[in-house]
N, C-alpha and C. Protein backbone atom coordinates (compact mmCIF):
# COMPACT_ATOMS: atom_id res chain seq x y z
N MET A 1 -38.72 -107.39 -78.26
CA MET A 1 -38.49 -105.99 -78.25
C MET A 1 -38.62 -105.48 -76.84
N TYR A 2 -38.01 -104.33 -76.58
CA TYR A 2 -38.01 -103.73 -75.25
C TYR A 2 -38.37 -102.25 -75.35
N ILE A 3 -39.12 -101.81 -74.35
CA ILE A 3 -39.43 -100.38 -74.25
C ILE A 3 -39.07 -99.92 -72.85
N LEU A 4 -39.06 -98.60 -72.66
CA LEU A 4 -38.83 -98.03 -71.35
C LEU A 4 -40.17 -97.57 -70.75
N SER A 5 -40.33 -97.81 -69.46
CA SER A 5 -41.57 -97.48 -68.77
C SER A 5 -41.22 -96.79 -67.46
N ASP A 6 -41.99 -95.75 -67.14
CA ASP A 6 -41.84 -95.03 -65.86
C ASP A 6 -42.34 -95.95 -64.74
N THR A 7 -41.49 -96.17 -63.74
CA THR A 7 -41.87 -97.10 -62.69
C THR A 7 -42.98 -96.52 -61.79
N GLU A 8 -43.07 -95.18 -61.69
CA GLU A 8 -44.09 -94.57 -60.83
C GLU A 8 -45.45 -94.53 -61.51
N THR A 9 -45.52 -94.11 -62.75
CA THR A 9 -46.78 -93.93 -63.44
C THR A 9 -47.17 -95.11 -64.30
N GLY A 10 -46.19 -95.92 -64.71
CA GLY A 10 -46.46 -97.04 -65.61
C GLY A 10 -46.55 -96.57 -67.05
N GLY A 11 -46.33 -95.28 -67.29
CA GLY A 11 -46.39 -94.76 -68.66
C GLY A 11 -45.18 -95.15 -69.44
N VAL A 12 -45.35 -95.22 -70.74
CA VAL A 12 -44.25 -95.55 -71.62
C VAL A 12 -43.43 -94.30 -71.90
N TYR A 13 -42.10 -94.44 -71.82
CA TYR A 13 -41.20 -93.30 -72.11
C TYR A 13 -41.24 -92.98 -73.59
N ALA A 14 -41.44 -91.71 -73.93
CA ALA A 14 -41.48 -91.29 -75.32
C ALA A 14 -40.66 -89.99 -75.45
N VAL A 15 -39.99 -89.85 -76.54
CA VAL A 15 -39.20 -88.65 -76.82
C VAL A 15 -40.09 -87.63 -77.51
N LEU A 16 -40.02 -86.40 -77.01
CA LEU A 16 -40.77 -85.33 -77.59
C LEU A 16 -39.97 -84.69 -78.71
N GLY A 17 -40.50 -84.71 -79.91
CA GLY A 17 -39.78 -84.18 -81.09
C GLY A 17 -40.39 -82.89 -81.58
N GLU A 18 -39.96 -82.54 -82.75
CA GLU A 18 -40.47 -81.31 -83.39
C GLU A 18 -41.99 -81.44 -83.56
N GLY A 19 -42.64 -80.30 -83.36
CA GLY A 19 -44.09 -80.31 -83.55
C GLY A 19 -44.78 -81.01 -82.37
N ASN A 20 -44.08 -81.23 -81.26
CA ASN A 20 -44.59 -81.92 -80.09
C ASN A 20 -45.06 -83.34 -80.39
N GLU A 21 -44.43 -83.98 -81.37
CA GLU A 21 -44.73 -85.37 -81.66
C GLU A 21 -43.96 -86.27 -80.73
N LYS A 22 -44.63 -87.24 -80.18
CA LYS A 22 -43.99 -88.18 -79.26
C LYS A 22 -43.64 -89.44 -80.00
N THR A 23 -42.42 -89.93 -79.73
CA THR A 23 -41.94 -91.16 -80.36
C THR A 23 -41.52 -92.16 -79.30
N VAL A 24 -42.02 -93.37 -79.39
CA VAL A 24 -41.64 -94.47 -78.51
C VAL A 24 -40.56 -95.29 -79.21
N HIS A 25 -39.48 -95.48 -78.50
CA HIS A 25 -38.39 -96.31 -79.04
C HIS A 25 -38.62 -97.78 -78.62
N MET A 26 -38.57 -98.70 -79.59
CA MET A 26 -38.57 -100.11 -79.29
C MET A 26 -37.19 -100.65 -79.62
N PHE A 27 -36.53 -101.21 -78.66
CA PHE A 27 -35.16 -101.73 -78.79
C PHE A 27 -35.20 -103.24 -79.07
N GLU A 28 -34.46 -103.65 -80.07
CA GLU A 28 -34.34 -105.08 -80.38
C GLU A 28 -33.51 -105.78 -79.29
N ASP A 29 -32.55 -105.07 -78.74
CA ASP A 29 -31.62 -105.66 -77.82
C ASP A 29 -31.73 -105.01 -76.44
N GLU A 30 -31.87 -105.79 -75.40
CA GLU A 30 -32.04 -105.26 -74.06
C GLU A 30 -30.86 -104.41 -73.64
N ASP A 31 -29.65 -104.82 -74.03
CA ASP A 31 -28.44 -104.04 -73.66
C ASP A 31 -28.50 -102.62 -74.22
N ASP A 32 -29.04 -102.46 -75.40
CA ASP A 32 -29.20 -101.12 -75.98
C ASP A 32 -30.20 -100.29 -75.20
N ALA A 33 -31.26 -100.92 -74.70
CA ALA A 33 -32.20 -100.20 -73.86
C ALA A 33 -31.53 -99.78 -72.56
N LEU A 34 -30.74 -100.67 -71.98
CA LEU A 34 -30.00 -100.32 -70.73
C LEU A 34 -29.06 -99.14 -70.98
N ARG A 35 -28.36 -99.18 -72.11
CA ARG A 35 -27.42 -98.14 -72.44
C ARG A 35 -28.14 -96.79 -72.62
N TYR A 36 -29.32 -96.83 -73.21
CA TYR A 36 -30.10 -95.59 -73.41
C TYR A 36 -30.53 -95.00 -72.04
N VAL A 37 -30.94 -95.88 -71.14
CA VAL A 37 -31.27 -95.41 -69.77
C VAL A 37 -30.07 -94.78 -69.09
N ASP A 38 -28.90 -95.38 -69.26
CA ASP A 38 -27.68 -94.81 -68.70
C ASP A 38 -27.39 -93.43 -69.27
N HIS A 39 -27.63 -93.25 -70.57
CA HIS A 39 -27.44 -91.95 -71.20
C HIS A 39 -28.42 -90.94 -70.63
N LEU A 40 -29.67 -91.37 -70.40
CA LEU A 40 -30.67 -90.47 -69.81
C LEU A 40 -30.23 -90.01 -68.41
N ARG A 41 -29.75 -90.95 -67.62
CA ARG A 41 -29.29 -90.61 -66.28
C ARG A 41 -28.13 -89.64 -66.31
N ALA A 42 -27.24 -89.79 -67.29
CA ALA A 42 -26.09 -88.89 -67.44
C ALA A 42 -26.53 -87.49 -67.80
N THR A 43 -27.73 -87.30 -68.35
CA THR A 43 -28.23 -85.99 -68.71
C THR A 43 -29.18 -85.48 -67.65
N ASP A 44 -29.09 -86.05 -66.44
CA ASP A 44 -29.87 -85.63 -65.28
C ASP A 44 -31.36 -85.93 -65.38
N TYR A 45 -31.74 -86.91 -66.16
CA TYR A 45 -33.12 -87.37 -66.20
C TYR A 45 -33.42 -88.03 -64.89
N THR A 46 -34.47 -87.57 -64.20
CA THR A 46 -34.65 -88.03 -62.83
C THR A 46 -35.75 -89.09 -62.61
N ASP A 47 -36.65 -89.29 -63.59
CA ASP A 47 -37.66 -90.31 -63.43
C ASP A 47 -37.03 -91.69 -63.48
N GLU A 48 -37.58 -92.58 -62.69
CA GLU A 48 -37.05 -93.93 -62.63
C GLU A 48 -37.72 -94.77 -63.73
N LEU A 49 -36.89 -95.39 -64.58
CA LEU A 49 -37.38 -96.17 -65.70
C LEU A 49 -37.06 -97.63 -65.53
N GLU A 50 -37.93 -98.47 -66.06
CA GLU A 50 -37.64 -99.91 -66.10
C GLU A 50 -37.77 -100.35 -67.56
N ILE A 51 -37.15 -101.43 -67.87
CA ILE A 51 -37.14 -101.97 -69.20
C ILE A 51 -38.11 -103.14 -69.26
N LEU A 52 -39.06 -103.05 -70.19
CA LEU A 52 -40.08 -104.09 -70.32
C LEU A 52 -39.97 -104.78 -71.66
N GLU A 53 -40.04 -106.12 -71.63
CA GLU A 53 -40.12 -106.86 -72.87
C GLU A 53 -41.58 -106.83 -73.35
N VAL A 54 -41.77 -106.48 -74.63
CA VAL A 54 -43.10 -106.28 -75.13
C VAL A 54 -43.30 -106.97 -76.48
N ASP A 55 -44.55 -107.10 -76.84
CA ASP A 55 -44.93 -107.58 -78.19
C ASP A 55 -44.97 -106.30 -79.04
N PRO A 56 -44.15 -106.21 -80.06
CA PRO A 56 -44.11 -104.98 -80.86
C PRO A 56 -45.45 -104.63 -81.53
N GLU A 57 -46.26 -105.63 -81.86
CA GLU A 57 -47.55 -105.34 -82.46
C GLU A 57 -48.47 -104.58 -81.49
N VAL A 58 -48.38 -104.89 -80.24
CA VAL A 58 -49.19 -104.19 -79.22
C VAL A 58 -48.72 -102.73 -79.10
N VAL A 59 -47.41 -102.54 -79.13
CA VAL A 59 -46.87 -101.16 -79.07
C VAL A 59 -47.30 -100.36 -80.26
N VAL A 60 -47.20 -100.92 -81.44
CA VAL A 60 -47.63 -100.26 -82.67
C VAL A 60 -49.10 -99.88 -82.60
N LEU A 61 -49.92 -100.79 -82.13
CA LEU A 61 -51.36 -100.53 -82.03
C LEU A 61 -51.64 -99.37 -81.07
N ASN A 62 -50.98 -99.41 -79.91
CA ASN A 62 -51.16 -98.32 -78.92
C ASN A 62 -50.64 -97.00 -79.43
N CYS A 63 -49.51 -96.98 -80.10
CA CYS A 63 -48.96 -95.75 -80.65
C CYS A 63 -49.96 -95.17 -81.67
N THR A 64 -50.53 -96.03 -82.50
CA THR A 64 -51.50 -95.59 -83.48
C THR A 64 -52.72 -95.01 -82.79
N ASN A 65 -53.21 -95.68 -81.77
CA ASN A 65 -54.40 -95.23 -81.06
C ASN A 65 -54.20 -93.87 -80.37
N TYR A 66 -53.00 -93.63 -79.85
CA TYR A 66 -52.73 -92.40 -79.09
C TYR A 66 -52.00 -91.34 -79.89
N GLY A 67 -51.77 -91.57 -81.15
CA GLY A 67 -51.14 -90.55 -81.98
C GLY A 67 -49.64 -90.39 -81.78
N TYR A 68 -49.00 -91.44 -81.29
CA TYR A 68 -47.55 -91.42 -81.11
C TYR A 68 -46.89 -92.05 -82.34
N LYS A 69 -45.64 -91.66 -82.55
CA LYS A 69 -44.84 -92.38 -83.53
C LYS A 69 -44.05 -93.43 -82.80
N TYR A 70 -43.43 -94.31 -83.53
CA TYR A 70 -42.57 -95.31 -82.92
C TYR A 70 -41.37 -95.55 -83.80
N SER A 71 -40.29 -95.97 -83.20
CA SER A 71 -39.09 -96.32 -83.95
C SER A 71 -38.56 -97.64 -83.44
N ILE A 72 -37.97 -98.41 -84.33
CA ILE A 72 -37.37 -99.67 -83.96
C ILE A 72 -35.86 -99.45 -83.97
N VAL A 73 -35.24 -99.65 -82.82
CA VAL A 73 -33.81 -99.47 -82.69
C VAL A 73 -33.15 -100.85 -82.80
N SER A 74 -32.48 -101.06 -83.91
CA SER A 74 -31.82 -102.34 -84.14
C SER A 74 -30.47 -102.38 -83.44
N LYS A 75 -29.89 -103.55 -83.41
CA LYS A 75 -28.61 -103.76 -82.72
C LYS A 75 -27.51 -102.89 -83.31
N ASP A 76 -27.63 -102.52 -84.57
CA ASP A 76 -26.59 -101.72 -85.21
C ASP A 76 -26.80 -100.19 -85.06
N ASP A 77 -27.94 -99.81 -84.48
CA ASP A 77 -28.24 -98.37 -84.32
C ASP A 77 -27.66 -97.83 -83.03
N LEU A 78 -27.28 -96.58 -83.09
CA LEU A 78 -26.87 -95.85 -81.90
C LEU A 78 -27.71 -94.61 -81.79
N ILE A 79 -28.49 -94.54 -80.71
CA ILE A 79 -29.28 -93.32 -80.50
C ILE A 79 -28.94 -92.76 -79.11
N ILE A 80 -29.02 -91.46 -78.98
CA ILE A 80 -28.75 -90.82 -77.71
C ILE A 80 -29.97 -89.94 -77.40
N PRO A 81 -30.28 -89.76 -76.14
CA PRO A 81 -31.45 -88.93 -75.78
C PRO A 81 -31.22 -87.48 -76.22
N PRO A 82 -32.36 -86.81 -76.54
CA PRO A 82 -32.20 -85.39 -76.86
C PRO A 82 -31.78 -84.60 -75.63
N SER A 83 -31.12 -83.51 -75.86
CA SER A 83 -30.68 -82.71 -74.71
C SER A 83 -31.70 -81.60 -74.42
């Protein structure tokens, strides 16, 4: 699995949803993560992100500890960043 991380802070990229809930996307396919970063750049997102390969169990544990939600983006899913 792959997640996005801010290269400056080392923080994990999370989408802010309704009710100020943060969701971390875990991508099954690295190409999908790359595509998502390209979509972010097209919407003028300025923070520099890197793609990290991670153990999904560790991400789930951290999301639970910090009150974040998480989603698993499979190869058949298409997601675009919120505007």
